[in-house]
Amino acid sequence: MPFGCKQVVVYDKRSFKVPTQKKTRRMSLSSLYKRALVKYPVLMQSVQSGILMGTGDVIAQTLVEKRQFNQLDGMRAIRFFGIGFVIGVSACLEHLQNFDFMYVWFLLKSSKTN
């Protein structure tokens, strides 16, 4: 159906039944991530930071230290995840505080010039 066109539904007067369409909508991983990022921005950013730090540690253990997959130090990767999670939370909160301060400063400055 072209954009902006409406679907015309013709009803039978003898048996008035509203046509039903079952929409089974499967959410893709990216749409779930986007929805969670809008709903829980600080939590998602901190989890993302933790995953990146944990993955970086696993890559460092395999490529730099030349360890086999069964010789990886799992607790070290979990500690790196925790460090990234905490840093992600503090960085997001600090950014949001600075954003609020800059927004208020901009409003005050624009009100003085008017």
PDB file of N, CA and C in Angstrom:
ATOM      1  N   MET A   1       0.848  -1.162   0.000  1.00  0.00           N
ATOM      2  CA  MET A   1       0.000   0.000   0.000  1.00  0.00           C
ATOM      3  C   MET A   1       0.901   1.235   0.000  1.00  0.00           C
ATOM      4  N   PRO A   2       0.641   2.216  -0.876  1.00  0.00           N
ATOM      5  CA  PRO A   2       1.479   3.413  -0.944  1.00  0.00           C
ATOM      6  C   PRO A   2       1.409   4.206   0.350  1.00  0.00           C
ATOM      7  N   PHE A   3       2.450   4.989   0.572  1.00  0.00           N
ATOM      8  CA  PHE A   3       2.529   5.792   1.793  1.00  0.00           C
ATOM      9  C   PHE A   3       1.428   6.838   1.808  1.00  0.00           C
ATOM     10  N   GLY A   4       0.748   6.968   2.903  1.00  0.00           N
ATOM     11  CA  GLY A   4      -0.283   7.972   3.071  1.00  0.00           C
ATOM     12  C   GLY A   4      -1.673   7.511   2.666  1.00  0.00           C
ATOM     13  N   CYS A   5      -1.791   6.347   2.048  1.00  0.00           N
ATOM     14  CA  CYS A   5      -3.105   5.836   1.644  1.00  0.00           C
ATOM     15  C   CYS A   5      -3.724   5.068   2.794  1.00  0.00           C
ATOM     16  N   LYS A   6      -5.017   5.166   2.916  1.00  0.00           N
ATOM     17  CA  LYS A   6      -5.723   4.439   3.960  1.00  0.00           C
ATOM     18  C   LYS A   6      -6.351   3.194   3.368  1.00  0.00           C
ATOM     19  N   GLN A   7      -6.416   2.166   4.177  1.00  0.00           N
ATOM     20  CA  GLN A   7      -7.037   0.927   3.735  1.00  0.00           C
ATOM     21  C   GLN A   7      -8.541   1.039   3.931  1.00  0.00           C
ATOM     22  N   VAL A   8      -9.296   0.779   2.886  1.00  0.00           N
ATOM     23  CA  VAL A   8     -10.754   0.857   2.946  1.00  0.00           C
ATOM     24  C   VAL A   8     -11.277  -0.543   3.219  1.00  0.00           C
ATOM     25  N   VAL A   9     -12.067  -0.671   4.286  1.00  0.00           N
ATOM     26  CA  VAL A   9     -12.644  -1.952   4.653  1.00  0.00           C
ATOM     27  C   VAL A   9     -14.138  -1.884   4.383  1.00  0.00           C
ATOM     28  N   VAL A  10     -14.647  -2.834   3.615  1.00  0.00           N
ATOM     29  CA  VAL A  10     -16.067  -2.904   3.304  1.00  0.00           C
ATOM     30  C   VAL A  10     -16.672  -4.003   4.175  1.00  0.00           C
ATOM     31  N   TYR A  11     -17.715  -3.652   4.938  1.00  0.00           N
ATOM     32  CA  TYR A  11     -18.353  -4.593   5.833  1.00  0.00           C
ATOM     33  C   TYR A  11     -19.627  -5.131   5.180  1.00  0.00           C
ATOM     34  N   ASP A  12     -19.882  -6.383   5.436  1.00  0.00           N
ATOM     35  CA  ASP A  12     -21.127  -6.996   4.981  1.00  0.00           C
ATOM     36  C   ASP A  12     -22.198  -6.653   6.019  1.00  0.00           C
ATOM     37  N   LYS A  13     -23.325  -6.091   5.566  1.00  0.00           N
ATOM     38  CA  LYS A  13     -24.359  -5.653   6.500  1.00  0.00           C
ATOM     39  C   LYS A  13     -25.055  -6.817   7.174  1.00  0.00           C
ATOM     40  N   ARG A  14     -25.129  -7.974   6.500  1.00  0.00           N
ATOM     41  CA  ARG A  14     -25.828  -9.124   7.082  1.00  0.00           C
ATOM     42  C   ARG A  14     -25.039  -9.727   8.248  1.00  0.00           C
ATOM     43  N   SER A  15     -23.785  -9.878   8.083  1.00  0.00           N
ATOM     44  CA  SER A  15     -22.963 -10.459   9.162  1.00  0.00           C
ATOM     45  C   SER A  15     -21.813  -9.490   9.445  1.00  0.00           C
ATOM     46  N   PHE A  16     -22.068  -8.641  10.403  1.00  0.00           N
ATOM     47  CA  PHE A  16     -21.092  -7.608  10.718  1.00  0.00           C
ATOM     48  C   PHE A  16     -19.980  -8.210  11.566  1.00  0.00           C
ATOM     49  N   LYS A  17     -18.860  -8.459  10.936  1.00  0.00           N
ATOM     50  CA  LYS A  17     -17.692  -8.974  11.644  1.00  0.00           C
ATOM     51  C   LYS A  17     -16.517  -8.058  11.340  1.00  0.00           C
ATOM     52  N   VAL A  18     -15.895  -7.629  12.377  1.00  0.00           N
ATOM     53  CA  VAL A  18     -14.731  -6.779  12.207  1.00  0.00           C
ATOM     54  C   VAL A  18     -13.547  -7.673  11.832  1.00  0.00           C
ATOM     55  N   PRO A  19     -12.878  -7.366  10.728  1.00  0.00           N
ATOM     56  CA  PRO A  19     -11.729  -8.197  10.361  1.00  0.00           C
ATOM     57  C   PRO A  19     -10.608  -8.042  11.375  1.00  0.00           C
ATOM     58  N   THR A  20     -10.088  -9.135  11.784  1.00  0.00           N
ATOM     59  CA  THR A  20      -8.995  -9.109  12.753  1.00  0.00           C
ATOM     60  C   THR A  20      -7.725  -9.601  12.091  1.00  0.00           C
ATOM     61  N   GLN A  21      -6.687  -8.923  12.389  1.00  0.00           N
ATOM     62  CA  GLN A  21      -5.378  -9.327  11.909  1.00  0.00           C
ATOM     63  C   GLN A  21      -4.509  -9.579  13.122  1.00  0.00           C
ATOM     64  N   LYS A  22      -3.976 -10.762  13.183  1.00  0.00           N
ATOM     65  CA  LYS A  22      -3.072 -11.078  14.280  1.00  0.00           C
ATOM     66  C   LYS A  22      -1.679 -10.668  13.862  1.00  0.00           C
ATOM     67  N   LYS A  23      -1.152  -9.740  14.597  1.00  0.00           N
ATOM     68  CA  LYS A  23       0.197  -9.281  14.303  1.00  0.00           C
ATOM     69  C   LYS A  23       1.153  -9.960  15.266  1.00  0.00           C
ATOM     70  N   THR A  24       1.877 -10.890  14.747  1.00  0.00           N
ATOM     71  CA  THR A  24       2.917 -11.506  15.555  1.00  0.00           C
ATOM     72  C   THR A  24       4.204 -10.782  15.219  1.00  0.00           C
ATOM     73  N   ARG A  25       4.631 -10.001  16.161  1.00  0.00           N
ATOM     74  CA  ARG A  25       5.785  -9.155  15.935  1.00  0.00           C
ATOM     75  C   ARG A  25       6.976  -9.717  16.689  1.00  0.00           C
ATOM     76  N   ARG A  26       7.970 -10.117  15.952  1.00  0.00           N
ATOM     77  CA  ARG A  26       9.183 -10.624  16.583  1.00  0.00           C
ATOM     78  C   ARG A  26      10.157  -9.469  16.722  1.00  0.00           C
ATOM     79  N   MET A  27      10.628  -9.311  17.919  1.00  0.00           N
ATOM     80  CA  MET A  27      11.562  -8.232  18.195  1.00  0.00           C
ATOM     81  C   MET A  27      12.969  -8.683  17.843  1.00  0.00           C
ATOM     82  N   SER A  28      13.670  -7.865  17.096  1.00  0.00           N
ATOM     83  CA  SER A  28      15.056  -8.183  16.795  1.00  0.00           C
ATOM     84  C   SER A  28      15.921  -7.758  17.983  1.00  0.00           C
ATOM     85  N   LEU A  29      17.131  -8.240  17.992  1.00  0.00           N
ATOM     86  CA  LEU A  29      18.036  -7.930  19.095  1.00  0.00           C
ATOM     87  C   LEU A  29      18.343  -6.438  19.143  1.00  0.00           C
ATOM     88  N   SER A  30      18.494  -5.818  17.991  1.00  0.00           N
ATOM     89  CA  SER A  30      18.797  -4.385  17.971  1.00  0.00           C
ATOM     90  C   SER A  30      17.620  -3.555  18.474  1.00  0.00           C
ATOM     91  N   SER A  31      16.388  -3.943  18.144  1.00  0.00           N
ATOM     92  CA  SER A  31      15.241  -3.183  18.639  1.00  0.00           C
ATOM     93  C   SER A  31      15.057  -3.378  20.145  1.00  0.00           C
ATOM     94  N   LEU A  32      15.338  -4.571  20.643  1.00  0.00           N
ATOM     95  CA  LEU A  32      15.294  -4.778  22.099  1.00  0.00           C
ATOM     96  C   LEU A  32      16.343  -3.929  22.800  1.00  0.00           C
ATOM     97  N   TYR A  33      17.545  -3.864  22.217  1.00  0.00           N
ATOM     98  CA  TYR A  33      18.617  -3.048  22.794  1.00  0.00           C
ATOM     99  C   TYR A  33      18.228  -1.575  22.792  1.00  0.00           C
ATOM    100  N   LYS A  34      17.679  -1.091  21.692  1.00  0.00           N
ATOM    101  CA  LYS A  34      17.283   0.313  21.608  1.00  0.00           C
ATOM    102  C   LYS A  34      16.186   0.645  22.611  1.00  0.00           C
ATOM    103  N   ARG A  35      15.226  -0.263  22.746  1.00  0.00           N
ATOM    104  CA  ARG A  35      14.146  -0.036  23.706  1.00  0.00           C
ATOM    105  C   ARG A  35      14.677  -0.001  25.140  1.00  0.00           C
ATOM    106  N   ALA A  36      15.576  -0.925  25.465  1.00  0.00           N
ATOM    107  CA  ALA A  36      16.156  -0.946  26.812  1.00  0.00           C
ATOM    108  C   ALA A  36      17.049   0.264  27.044  1.00  0.00           C
ATOM    109  N   LEU A  37      17.733   0.730  26.001  1.00  0.00           N
ATOM    110  CA  LEU A  37      18.603   1.894  26.139  1.00  0.00           C
ATOM    111  C   LEU A  37      17.805   3.156  26.419  1.00  0.00           C
ATOM    112  N   VAL A  38      16.618   3.251  25.839  1.00  0.00           N
ATOM    113  CA  VAL A  38      15.764   4.413  26.102  1.00  0.00           C
ATOM    114  C   VAL A  38      15.156   4.317  27.495  1.00  0.00           C
ATOM    115  N   LYS A  39      14.772   3.107  27.896  1.00  0.00           N
ATOM    116  CA  LYS A  39      14.099   2.935  29.188  1.00  0.00           C
ATOM    117  C   LYS A  39      15.072   2.961  30.374  1.00  0.00           C
ATOM    118  N   TYR A  40      16.240   2.350  30.211  1.00  0.00           N
ATOM    119  CA  TYR A  40      17.236   2.265  31.283  1.00  0.00           C
ATOM    120  C   TYR A  40      18.606   2.710  30.749  1.00  0.00           C
ATOM    121  N   PRO A  41      18.823   4.007  30.528  1.00  0.00           N
ATOM    122  CA  PRO A  41      20.064   4.431  29.881  1.00  0.00           C
ATOM    123  C   PRO A  41      21.317   4.179  30.704  1.00  0.00           C
ATOM    124  N   VAL A  42      21.278   4.467  31.997  1.00  0.00           N
ATOM    125  CA  VAL A  42      22.480   4.311  32.818  1.00  0.00           C
ATOM    126  C   VAL A  42      22.831   2.833  32.983  1.00  0.00           C
ATOM    127  N   LEU A  43      21.848   2.004  33.242  1.00  0.00           N
ATOM    128  CA  LEU A  43      22.093   0.580  33.417  1.00  0.00           C
ATOM    129  C   LEU A  43      22.641  -0.046  32.136  1.00  0.00           C
ATOM    130  N   MET A  44      22.053   0.287  31.003  1.00  0.00           N
ATOM    131  CA  MET A  44      22.510  -0.305  29.745  1.00  0.00           C
ATOM    132  C   MET A  44      23.921   0.148  29.392  1.00  0.00           C
ATOM    133  N   GLN A  45      24.227   1.414  29.630  1.00  0.00           N
ATOM    134  CA  GLN A  45      25.571   1.892  29.332  1.00  0.00           C
ATOM    135  C   GLN A  45      26.602   1.253  30.249  1.00  0.00           C
ATOM    136  N   SER A  46      26.255   1.043  31.505  1.00  0.00           N
ATOM    137  CA  SER A  46      27.201   0.427  32.420  1.00  0.00           C
ATOM    138  C   SER A  46      27.393  -1.055  32.107  1.00  0.00           C
ATOM    139  N   VAL A  47      26.332  -1.764  31.747  1.00  0.00           N
ATOM    140  CA  VAL A  47      26.467  -3.168  31.348  1.00  0.00           C
ATOM    141  C   VAL A  47      27.288  -3.266  30.068  1.00  0.00           C
ATOM    142  N   GLN A  48      27.055  -2.361  29.150  1.00  0.00           N
ATOM    143  CA  GLN A  48      27.825  -2.351  27.906  1.00  0.00           C
ATOM    144  C   GLN A  48      29.301  -2.095  28.189  1.00  0.00           C
ATOM    145  N   SER A  49      29.590  -1.189  29.091  1.00  0.00           N
ATOM    146  CA  SER A  49      30.973  -0.912  29.461  1.00  0.00           C
ATOM    147  C   SER A  49      31.619  -2.130  30.110  1.00  0.00           C
ATOM    148  N   GLY A  50      30.877  -2.810  30.979  1.00  0.00           N
ATOM    149  CA  GLY A  50      31.399  -4.017  31.611  1.00  0.00           C
ATOM    150  C   GLY A  50      31.658  -5.133  30.616  1.00  0.00           C
ATOM    151  N   ILE A  51      30.748  -5.322  29.664  1.00  0.00           N
ATOM    152  CA  ILE A  51      30.938  -6.361  28.647  1.00  0.00           C
ATOM    153  C   ILE A  51      32.161  -6.053  27.794  1.00  0.00           C
ATOM    154  N   LEU A  52      32.331  -4.793  27.423  1.00  0.00           N
ATOM    155  CA  LEU A  52      33.494  -4.431  26.621  1.00  0.00           C
ATOM    156  C   LEU A  52      34.796  -4.651  27.386  1.00  0.00           C
ATOM    157  N   MET A  53      34.820  -4.323  28.674  1.00  0.00           N
ATOM    158  CA  MET A  53      36.047  -4.530  29.455  1.00  0.00           C
ATOM    159  C   MET A  53      36.314  -6.007  29.659  1.00  0.00           C
ATOM    160  N   GLY A  54      35.289  -6.801  29.938  1.00  0.00           N
ATOM    161  CA  GLY A  54      35.474  -8.242  30.090  1.00  0.00           C
ATOM    162  C   GLY A  54      35.927  -8.905  28.803  1.00  0.00           C
ATOM    163  N   THR A  55      35.336  -8.504  27.681  1.00  0.00           N
ATOM    164  CA  THR A  55      35.744  -9.043  26.380  1.00  0.00           C
ATOM    165  C   THR A  55      37.164  -8.627  26.039  1.00  0.00           C
ATOM    166  N   GLY A  56      37.511  -7.400  26.365  1.00  0.00           N
ATOM    167  CA  GLY A  56      38.881  -6.929  26.130  1.00  0.00           C
ATOM    168  C   GLY A  56      39.894  -7.727  26.924  1.00  0.00           C
ATOM    169  N   ASP A  57      39.549  -8.103  28.153  1.00  0.00           N
ATOM    170  CA  ASP A  57      40.463  -8.910  28.956  1.00  0.00           C
ATOM    171  C   ASP A  57      40.623 -10.310  28.372  1.00  0.00           C
ATOM    172  N   VAL A  58      39.534 -10.898  27.896  1.00  0.00           N
ATOM    173  CA  VAL A  58      39.628 -12.229  27.270  1.00  0.00           C
ATOM    174  C   VAL A  58      40.488 -12.156  26.012  1.00  0.00           C
ATOM    175  N   ILE A  59      40.320 -11.102  25.222  1.00  0.00           N
ATOM    176  CA  ILE A  59      41.146 -10.940  24.027  1.00  0.00           C
ATOM    177  C   ILE A  59      42.605 -10.755  24.401  1.00  0.00           C
ATOM    178  N   ALA A  60      42.858  -9.980  25.456  1.00  0.00           N
ATOM    179  CA  ALA A  60      44.243  -9.789  25.897  1.00  0.00           C
ATOM    180  C   ALA A  60      44.851 -11.101  26.387  1.00  0.00           C
ATOM    181  N   GLN A  61      44.072 -11.905  27.085  1.00  0.00           N
ATOM    182  CA  GLN A  61      44.606 -13.188  27.561  1.00  0.00           C
ATOM    183  C   GLN A  61      44.918 -14.127  26.404  1.00  0.00           C
ATOM    184  N   THR A  62      44.110 -14.120  25.364  1.00  0.00           N
ATOM    185  CA  THR A  62      44.336 -15.051  24.261  1.00  0.00           C
ATOM    186  C   THR A  62      45.387 -14.553  23.282  1.00  0.00           C
ATOM    187  N   LEU A  63      45.373 -13.276  22.938  1.00  0.00           N
ATOM    188  CA  LEU A  63      46.296 -12.780  21.922  1.00  0.00           C
ATOM    189  C   LEU A  63      47.626 -12.307  22.487  1.00  0.00           C
ATOM    190  N   VAL A  64      47.610 -11.587  23.593  1.00  0.00           N
ATOM    191  CA  VAL A  64      48.845 -11.031  24.142  1.00  0.00           C
ATOM    192  C   VAL A  64      49.589 -12.066  24.992  1.00  0.00           C
ATOM    193  N   GLU A  65      48.849 -12.720  25.883  1.00  0.00           N
ATOM    194  CA  GLU A  65      49.488 -13.693  26.774  1.00  0.00           C
ATOM    195  C   GLU A  65      49.568 -15.082  26.166  1.00  0.00           C
ATOM    196  N   LYS A  66      48.994 -15.282  25.001  1.00  0.00           N
ATOM    197  CA  LYS A  66      49.049 -16.552  24.257  1.00  0.00           C
ATOM    198  C   LYS A  66      48.512 -17.730  25.060  1.00  0.00           C
ATOM    199  N   ARG A  67      47.423 -17.530  25.764  1.00  0.00           N
ATOM    200  CA  ARG A  67      46.799 -18.625  26.518  1.00  0.00           C
ATOM    201  C   ARG A  67      45.799 -19.350  25.643  1.00  0.00           C
ATOM    202  N   GLN A  68      45.637 -20.623  25.897  1.00  0.00           N
ATOM    203  CA  GLN A  68      44.595 -21.398  25.227  1.00  0.00           C
ATOM    204  C   GLN A  68      43.255 -21.070  25.877  1.00  0.00           C
ATOM    205  N   PHE A  69      42.167 -21.424  25.198  1.00  0.00           N
ATOM    206  CA  PHE A  69      40.844 -21.095  25.708  1.00  0.00           C
ATOM    207  C   PHE A  69      40.564 -21.763  27.051  1.00  0.00           C
ATOM    208  N   ASN A  70      41.055 -22.990  27.245  1.00  0.00           N
ATOM    209  CA  ASN A  70      40.808 -23.682  28.515  1.00  0.00           C
ATOM    210  C   ASN A  70      41.723 -23.192  29.636  1.00  0.00           C
ATOM    211  N   GLN A  71      42.701 -22.349  29.340  1.00  0.00           N
ATOM    212  CA  GLN A  71      43.613 -21.821  30.355  1.00  0.00           C
ATOM    213  C   GLN A  71      43.275 -20.382  30.755  1.00  0.00           C
ATOM    214  N   LEU A  72      42.165 -19.859  30.264  1.00  0.00           N
ATOM    215  CA  LEU A  72      41.811 -18.472  30.571  1.00  0.00           C
ATOM    216  C   LEU A  72      41.444 -18.316  32.038  1.00  0.00           C
ATOM    217  N   ASP A  73      41.776 -17.167  32.587  1.00  0.00           N
ATOM    218  CA  ASP A  73      41.443 -16.838  33.967  1.00  0.00           C
ATOM    219  C   ASP A  73      40.071 -16.176  33.975  1.00  0.00           C
ATOM    220  N   GLY A  74      39.050 -16.953  34.294  1.00  0.00           N
ATOM    221  CA  GLY A  74      37.678 -16.459  34.258  1.00  0.00           C
ATOM    222  C   GLY A  74      37.386 -15.417  35.313  1.00  0.00           C
ATOM    223  N   MET A  75      37.949 -15.582  36.501  1.00  0.00           N
ATOM    224  CA  MET A  75      37.718 -14.613  37.568  1.00  0.00           C
ATOM    225  C   MET A  75      38.308 -13.259  37.208  1.00  0.00           C
ATOM    226  N   ARG A  76      39.419 -13.259  36.505  1.00  0.00           N
ATOM    227  CA  ARG A  76      40.026 -11.995  36.077  1.00  0.00           C
ATOM    228  C   ARG A  76      39.104 -11.272  35.097  1.00  0.00           C
ATOM    229  N   ALA A  77      38.513 -12.022  34.177  1.00  0.00           N
ATOM    230  CA  ALA A  77      37.581 -11.416  33.227  1.00  0.00           C
ATOM    231  C   ALA A  77      36.341 -10.886  33.941  1.00  0.00           C
ATOM    232  N   ILE A  78      35.863 -11.613  34.954  1.00  0.00           N
ATOM    233  CA  ILE A  78      34.701 -11.161  35.728  1.00  0.00           C
ATOM    234  C   ILE A  78      35.051  -9.903  36.522  1.00  0.00           C
ATOM    235  N   ARG A  79      36.265  -9.840  37.065  1.00  0.00           N
ATOM    236  CA  ARG A  79      36.692  -8.628  37.772  1.00  0.00           C
ATOM    237  C   ARG A  79      36.746  -7.438  36.821  1.00  0.00           C
ATOM    238  N   PHE A  80      37.253  -7.664  35.610  1.00  0.00           N
ATOM    239  CA  PHE A  80      37.276  -6.584  34.634  1.00  0.00           C
ATOM    240  C   PHE A  80      35.862  -6.151  34.264  1.00  0.00           C
ATOM    241  N   PHE A  81      34.942  -7.099  34.166  1.00  0.00           N
ATOM    242  CA  PHE A  81      33.548  -6.741  33.913  1.00  0.00           C
ATOM    243  C   PHE A  81      33.032  -5.849  35.036  1.00  0.00           C
ATOM    244  N   GLY A  82      33.318  -6.225  36.293  1.00  0.00           N
ATOM    245  CA  GLY A  82      32.869  -5.424  37.440  1.00  0.00           C
ATOM    246  C   GLY A  82      33.464  -4.028  37.434  1.00  0.00           C
ATOM    247  N   ILE A  83      34.747  -3.928  37.100  1.00  0.00           N
ATOM    248  CA  ILE A  83      35.382  -2.612  37.027  1.00  0.00           C
ATOM    249  C   ILE A  83      34.734  -1.765  35.942  1.00  0.00           C
ATOM    250  N   GLY A  84      34.506  -2.362  34.788  1.00  0.00           N
ATOM    251  CA  GLY A  84      33.853  -1.627  33.702  1.00  0.00           C
ATOM    252  C   GLY A  84      32.435  -1.226  34.057  1.00  0.00           C
ATOM    253  N   PHE A  85      31.727  -2.092  34.770  1.00  0.00           N
ATOM    254  CA  PHE A  85      30.360  -1.782  35.187  1.00  0.00           C
ATOM    255  C   PHE A  85      30.343  -0.576  36.117  1.00  0.00           C
ATOM    256  N   VAL A  86      31.235  -0.559  37.102  1.00  0.00           N
ATOM    257  CA  VAL A  86      31.280   0.549  38.064  1.00  0.00           C
ATOM    258  C   VAL A  86      31.721   1.835  37.373  1.00  0.00           C
ATOM    259  N   ILE A  87      32.725   1.741  36.519  1.00  0.00           N
ATOM    260  CA  ILE A  87      33.185   2.929  35.800  1.00  0.00           C
ATOM    261  C   ILE A  87      32.086   3.436  34.864  1.00  0.00           C
ATOM    262  N   GLY A  88      31.374   2.513  34.236  1.00  0.00           N
ATOM    263  CA  GLY A  88      30.290   2.916  33.345  1.00  0.00           C
ATOM    264  C   GLY A  88      29.192   3.657  34.077  1.00  0.00           C
ATOM    265  N   VAL A  89      28.827   3.197  35.267  1.00  0.00           N
ATOM    266  CA  VAL A  89      27.793   3.877  36.060  1.00  0.00           C
ATOM    267  C   VAL A  89      28.260   5.269  36.448  1.00  0.00           C
ATOM    268  N   SER A  90      29.494   5.356  36.969  1.00  0.00           N
ATOM    269  CA  SER A  90      29.979   6.665  37.420  1.00  0.00           C
ATOM    270  C   SER A  90      30.160   7.619  36.252  1.00  0.00           C
ATOM    271  N   ALA A  91      30.628   7.116  35.104  1.00  0.00           N
ATOM    272  CA  ALA A  91      30.798   7.991  33.941  1.00  0.00           C
ATOM    273  C   ALA A  91      29.452   8.484  33.424  1.00  0.00           C
ATOM    274  N   CYS A  92      28.452   7.616  33.394  1.00  0.00           N
ATOM    275  CA  CYS A  92      27.124   8.035  32.917  1.00  0.00           C
ATOM    276  C   CYS A  92      26.507   9.064  33.853  1.00  0.00           C
ATOM    277  N   LEU A  93      26.621   8.827  35.141  1.00  0.00           N
ATOM    278  CA  LEU A  93      26.039   9.771  36.091  1.00  0.00           C
ATOM    279  C   LEU A  93      26.758  11.109  36.038  1.00  0.00           C
ATOM    280  N   GLU A  94      28.080  11.077  35.904  1.00  0.00           N
ATOM    281  CA  GLU A  94      28.843  12.316  35.810  1.00  0.00           C
ATOM    282  C   GLU A  94      28.458  13.081  34.542  1.00  0.00           C
ATOM    283  N   HIS A  95      28.299  12.354  33.449  1.00  0.00           N
ATOM    284  CA  HIS A  95      27.904  12.992  32.195  1.00  0.00           C
ATOM    285  C   HIS A  95      26.520  13.618  32.314  1.00  0.00           C
ATOM    286  N   LEU A  96      25.587  12.914  32.947  1.00  0.00           N
ATOM    287  CA  LEU A  96      24.242  13.450  33.089  1.00  0.00           C
ATOM    288  C   LEU A  96      24.226  14.682  33.989  1.00  0.00           C
ATOM    289  N   GLN A  97      25.056  14.684  35.037  1.00  0.00           N
ATOM    290  CA  GLN A  97      25.125  15.857  35.897  1.00  0.00           C
ATOM    291  C   GLN A  97      25.697  17.045  35.140  1.00  0.00           C
ATOM    292  N   ASN A  98      26.749  16.813  34.348  1.00  0.00           N
ATOM    293  CA  ASN A  98      27.323  17.903  33.568  1.00  0.00           C
ATOM    294  C   ASN A  98      26.336  18.401  32.523  1.00  0.00           C
ATOM    295  N   PHE A  99      25.578  17.492  31.928  1.00  0.00           N
ATOM    296  CA  PHE A  99      24.594  17.896  30.935  1.00  0.00           C
ATOM    297  C   PHE A  99      23.533  18.779  31.569  1.00  0.00           C
ATOM    298  N   ASP A 100      23.054  18.411  32.756  1.00  0.00           N
ATOM    299  CA  ASP A 100      22.051  19.224  33.441  1.00  0.00           C
ATOM    300  C   ASP A 100      22.601  20.608  33.751  1.00  0.00           C
ATOM    301  N   PHE A 101      23.861  20.655  34.219  1.00  0.00           N
ATOM    302  CA  PHE A 101      24.476  21.938  34.540  1.00  0.00           C
ATOM    303  C   PHE A 101      24.605  22.803  33.290  1.00  0.00           C
ATOM    304  N   MET A 102      25.054  22.214  32.183  1.00  0.00           N
ATOM    305  CA  MET A 102      25.222  22.969  30.948  1.00  0.00           C
ATOM    306  C   MET A 102      23.875  23.447  30.411  1.00  0.00           C
ATOM    307  N   TYR A 103      22.838  22.635  30.545  1.00  0.00           N
ATOM    308  CA  TYR A 103      21.513  23.016  30.074  1.00  0.00           C
ATOM    309  C   TYR A 103      20.976  24.200  30.863  1.00  0.00           C
ATOM    310  N   VAL A 104      21.116  24.164  32.188  1.00  0.00           N
ATOM    311  CA  VAL A 104      20.655  25.270  33.028  1.00  0.00           C
ATOM    312  C   VAL A 104      21.462  26.516  32.717  1.00  0.00           C
ATOM    313  N   TRP A 105      22.790  26.367  32.543  1.00  0.00           N
ATOM    314  CA  TRP A 105      23.634  27.511  32.218  1.00  0.00           C
ATOM    315  C   TRP A 105      23.215  28.133  30.888  1.00  0.00           C
ATOM    316  N   PHE A 106      22.914  27.298  29.894  1.00  0.00           N
ATOM    317  CA  PHE A 106      22.474  27.800  28.592  1.00  0.00           C
ATOM    318  C   PHE A 106      21.155  28.547  28.717  1.00  0.00           C
ATOM    319  N   LEU A 107      20.227  28.023  29.514  1.00  0.00           N
ATOM    320  CA  LEU A 107      18.941  28.701  29.686  1.00  0.00           C
ATOM    321  C   LEU A 107      19.114  30.046  30.373  1.00  0.00           C
ATOM    322  N   LEU A 108      19.978  30.090  31.384  1.00  0.00           N
ATOM    323  CA  LEU A 108      20.210  31.346  32.075  1.00  0.00           C
ATOM    324  C   LEU A 108      20.885  32.366  31.166  1.00  0.00           C
ATOM    325  N   LYS A 109      21.838  31.895  30.388  1.00  0.00           N
ATOM    326  CA  LYS A 109      22.549  32.807  29.485  1.00  0.00           C
ATOM    327  C   LYS A 109      21.618  33.333  28.398  1.00  0.00           C
ATOM    328  N   SER A 110      20.763  32.466  27.846  1.00  0.00           N
ATOM    329  CA  SER A 110      19.864  32.919  26.795  1.00  0.00           C
ATOM    330  C   SER A 110      18.784  33.850  27.345  1.00  0.00           C
ATOM    331  N   SER A 111      18.404  33.687  28.611  1.00  0.00           N
ATOM    332  CA  SER A 111      17.383  34.571  29.174  1.00  0.00           C
ATOM    333  C   SER A 111      17.967  35.961  29.465  1.00  0.00           C
ATOM    334  N   LYS A 112      19.275  36.046  29.732  1.00  0.00           N
ATOM    335  CA  LYS A 112      19.911  37.340  29.976  1.00  0.00           C
ATOM    336  C   LYS A 112      20.054  38.136  28.692  1.00  0.00           C
ATOM    337  N   THR A 113      20.271  37.457  27.583  1.00  0.00           N
ATOM    338  CA  THR A 113      20.469  38.167  26.315  1.00  0.00           C
ATOM    339  C   THR A 113      19.161  38.647  25.734  1.00  0.00           C
ATOM    340  N   ASN A 114      18.050  38.076  26.128  1.00  0.00           N
ATOM    341  CA  ASN A 114      16.744  38.480  25.563  1.00  0.00           C
ATOM    342  C   ASN A 114      16.200  39.635  26.277  1.00  0.00           C
TER     343      ASN A 114
END
